[in-house]
Amino acid sequence: MDTNLKVDPTKDTPLVSVLMLTYNGARFIKEAIESVLSQTYPHVELIIIDDGSADRTKEIIRGFTDKRIRYICHEHNAGLLVRRKESLNLAEGAYVAVLDSDDLWLPTKLEKQVDHLGAHPDCVLVGTWITRMDERGAMIGTTKYNSDDLSIRASI
């Protein structure tokens, strides 16, 4: 474990750094943020990096007052790779989770993942399958990923 983390590894509630990048995400970002803040696992920091949005993204994010949110707003778009590296450098948690600004999490997602990682110290990565929905909330498809060690290693 990285000794520079600001998390006491003896505690049962390690900090999870949720990384959210956005660019002109006003349409869905409010719901995405709410899905993080409503997690049953509360020990999170939400790092939002705005990559030069020209829509109402800034106003929507600034409407949240939760102290777990860190908002970094850039005037110019630098792209996903630059901003992902930036967000990883800002993360203080023992765990890192990524949520796109047009996605939602079920309320128990982080709790289940942190519990699994705590119970399986040899596990270094957890993920979820995806249900795609249209703007009205109707399911339009699913994406299932490899879920066993050999298949994951083969796909990497």
Protein backbone atom coordinates (compact mmCIF):
# COMPACT_ATOMS: atom_id res chain seq x y z
CA MET A 1 0.00 0.00 0.00
CA ASP A 2 1.25 3.51 -0.81
CA THR A 3 2.37 5.14 2.43
CA ASN A 4 1.65 8.60 1.01
CA LEU A 5 -2.11 8.00 1.08
CA LYS A 6 -4.05 10.12 3.54
CA VAL A 7 -6.04 7.10 4.67
CA ASP A 8 -5.51 5.06 7.82
CA PRO A 9 -5.36 1.48 6.47
CA THR A 10 -6.46 0.12 9.86
CA LYS A 11 -9.89 1.71 9.49
CA ASP A 12 -12.80 -0.20 8.03
CA THR A 13 -13.76 2.71 5.80
CA PRO A 14 -10.96 3.55 3.38
CA LEU A 15 -11.43 6.67 1.32
CA VAL A 16 -12.60 6.16 -2.26
CA SER A 17 -11.56 8.85 -4.74
CA VAL A 18 -14.21 9.17 -7.43
CA LEU A 19 -12.83 10.76 -10.58
CA MET A 20 -15.26 12.53 -12.89
CA LEU A 21 -14.11 14.30 -16.02
CA THR A 22 -16.54 16.48 -17.90
CA TYR A 23 -16.73 18.53 -21.04
CA ASN A 24 -20.04 20.22 -21.82
CA GLY A 25 -21.77 17.76 -19.52
CA ALA A 26 -24.61 20.00 -18.34
CA ARG A 27 -27.30 17.67 -19.62
CA PHE A 28 -26.57 14.78 -17.23
CA ILE A 29 -23.93 15.86 -14.70
CA LYS A 30 -26.35 16.78 -11.91
CA GLU A 31 -27.69 13.23 -11.79
CA ALA A 32 -24.18 11.76 -12.05
CA ILE A 33 -23.01 13.81 -9.06
CA GLU A 34 -26.11 12.91 -7.07
CA SER A 35 -25.47 9.21 -7.74
CA VAL A 36 -22.05 9.56 -6.08
CA LEU A 37 -23.28 11.61 -3.13
CA SER A 38 -26.12 9.16 -2.44
CA GLN A 39 -23.86 6.12 -2.15
CA THR A 40 -24.46 3.94 0.90
CA TYR A 41 -20.67 4.00 1.31
CA PRO A 42 -20.13 7.59 2.43
CA HIS A 43 -16.34 7.85 2.71
CA VAL A 44 -15.74 9.32 -0.73
CA GLU A 45 -14.14 12.32 -2.29
CA LEU A 46 -15.51 13.39 -5.66
CA ILE A 47 -12.95 15.06 -7.88
CA ILE A 48 -14.60 16.77 -10.83
CA ILE A 49 -12.40 18.19 -13.56
CA ASP A 50 -14.11 20.41 -16.10
CA ASP A 51 -12.10 20.39 -19.32
CA GLY A 52 -13.18 23.79 -20.65
CA SER A 53 -16.96 23.41 -20.86
CA ALA A 54 -18.87 26.14 -22.68
CA ASP A 55 -22.35 25.11 -21.51
CA ARG A 56 -23.97 25.35 -18.03
CA THR A 57 -21.71 22.68 -16.52
CA LYS A 58 -19.93 25.14 -14.21
CA GLU A 59 -23.15 26.55 -12.79
CA ILE A 60 -24.58 23.11 -12.12
CA ILE A 61 -21.46 21.87 -10.33
CA ARG A 62 -21.14 25.06 -8.28
CA GLY A 63 -24.71 24.48 -7.10
CA PHE A 64 -23.46 21.57 -4.96
CA THR A 65 -22.11 22.47 -1.52
CA ASP A 66 -21.07 19.01 -0.31
CA LYS A 67 -17.58 19.22 1.19
CA ARG A 68 -16.65 15.88 -0.41
CA ILE A 69 -16.57 17.57 -3.84
CA ARG A 70 -13.38 19.08 -5.24
CA TYR A 71 -14.01 21.00 -8.44
CA ILE A 72 -11.26 22.00 -10.83
CA CYS A 73 -12.38 24.15 -13.73
CA HIS A 74 -10.15 24.72 -16.75
CA GLU A 75 -10.78 27.36 -19.38
CA HIS A 76 -9.21 25.37 -22.22
CA ASN A 77 -9.83 21.81 -23.34
CA ALA A 78 -6.74 19.61 -22.98
CA GLY A 79 -8.34 16.22 -23.61
CA LEU A 80 -9.06 13.01 -21.75
CA LEU A 81 -5.50 11.74 -21.25
CA VAL A 82 -4.22 15.01 -19.75
CA ARG A 83 -7.21 15.41 -17.44
CA ARG A 84 -7.22 11.72 -16.38
CA LYS A 85 -3.57 12.02 -15.31
CA GLU A 86 -4.43 15.21 -13.45
CA SER A 87 -7.35 13.56 -11.65
CA LEU A 88 -5.22 10.56 -10.64
CA ASN A 89 -2.59 12.90 -9.19
CA LEU A 90 -5.27 14.63 -7.09
CA ALA A 91 -6.76 11.39 -5.72
CA GLU A 92 -6.12 10.86 -2.01
CA GLY A 93 -8.09 7.65 -1.53
CA ALA A 94 -6.96 4.10 -0.95
CA TYR A 95 -9.24 3.21 -3.88
CA VAL A 96 -10.03 5.00 -7.13
CA ALA A 97 -13.31 4.80 -9.03
CA VAL A 98 -14.12 6.47 -12.34
CA LEU A 99 -17.55 7.78 -13.28
CA ASP A 100 -18.29 9.56 -16.54
CA SER A 101 -20.40 12.69 -16.19
CA ASP A 102 -23.24 11.13 -18.19
CA ASP A 103 -23.37 7.90 -16.16
CA LEU A 104 -25.13 6.86 -12.96
CA TRP A 105 -24.31 4.46 -10.15
CA LEU A 106 -26.73 2.37 -8.16
CA PRO A 107 -26.63 3.44 -4.48
CA THR A 108 -24.78 0.36 -3.17
CA LYS A 109 -22.10 0.15 -5.88
CA LEU A 110 -19.16 1.47 -3.87
CA GLU A 111 -20.18 -0.31 -0.68
CA LYS A 112 -20.23 -3.66 -2.46
CA GLN A 113 -16.93 -3.02 -4.21
CA VAL A 114 -15.11 -1.81 -1.08
CA ASP A 115 -16.48 -4.79 0.87
CA HIS A 116 -15.26 -7.17 -1.83
CA LEU A 117 -11.80 -5.61 -1.98
CA GLY A 118 -11.53 -5.70 1.81
CA ALA A 119 -12.53 -9.36 1.94
CA HIS A 120 -10.18 -10.32 -0.91
CA PRO A 121 -6.80 -8.61 -0.36
CA ASP A 122 -5.36 -10.43 -3.39
CA CYS A 123 -7.91 -8.66 -5.63
CA VAL A 124 -6.64 -5.45 -7.20
CA LEU A 125 -9.51 -4.51 -9.51
CA VAL A 126 -13.29 -4.66 -9.46
CA GLY A 127 -15.80 -3.49 -12.01
CA THR A 128 -19.39 -3.74 -13.07
CA TRP A 129 -21.40 -4.63 -16.09
CA ILE A 130 -23.23 -1.79 -17.79
CA THR A 131 -26.88 -1.20 -18.59
CA ARG A 132 -27.32 1.43 -21.29
CA MET A 133 -30.43 3.58 -21.05
CA ASP A 134 -31.96 6.22 -23.24
CA GLU A 135 -32.87 9.71 -22.04
CA ARG A 136 -36.24 8.49 -20.77
CA GLY A 137 -34.67 5.76 -18.64
CA ALA A 138 -35.60 2.83 -20.89
CA MET A 139 -33.00 0.06 -21.13
CA ILE A 140 -31.48 -0.15 -24.60
CA GLY A 141 -28.72 -2.68 -24.01
CA THR A 142 -26.11 -4.17 -21.72
CA THR A 143 -22.37 -4.62 -21.81
CA LYS A 144 -20.83 -7.54 -19.96
CA TYR A 145 -17.11 -7.74 -19.33
CA ASN A 146 -14.83 -10.66 -18.60
CA SER A 147 -15.18 -11.59 -14.94
CA ASP A 148 -12.65 -14.33 -14.26
CA ASP A 149 -8.92 -13.91 -13.80
CA LEU A 150 -7.76 -15.76 -16.92
CA SER A 151 -10.23 -14.01 -19.23
CA ILE A 152 -9.35 -10.59 -17.83
CA ARG A 153 -5.63 -11.23 -18.23
CA ALA A 154 -6.15 -12.45 -21.80
CA SER A 155 -8.11 -9.34 -22.72
CA ILE A 156 -5.44 -7.02 -21.31
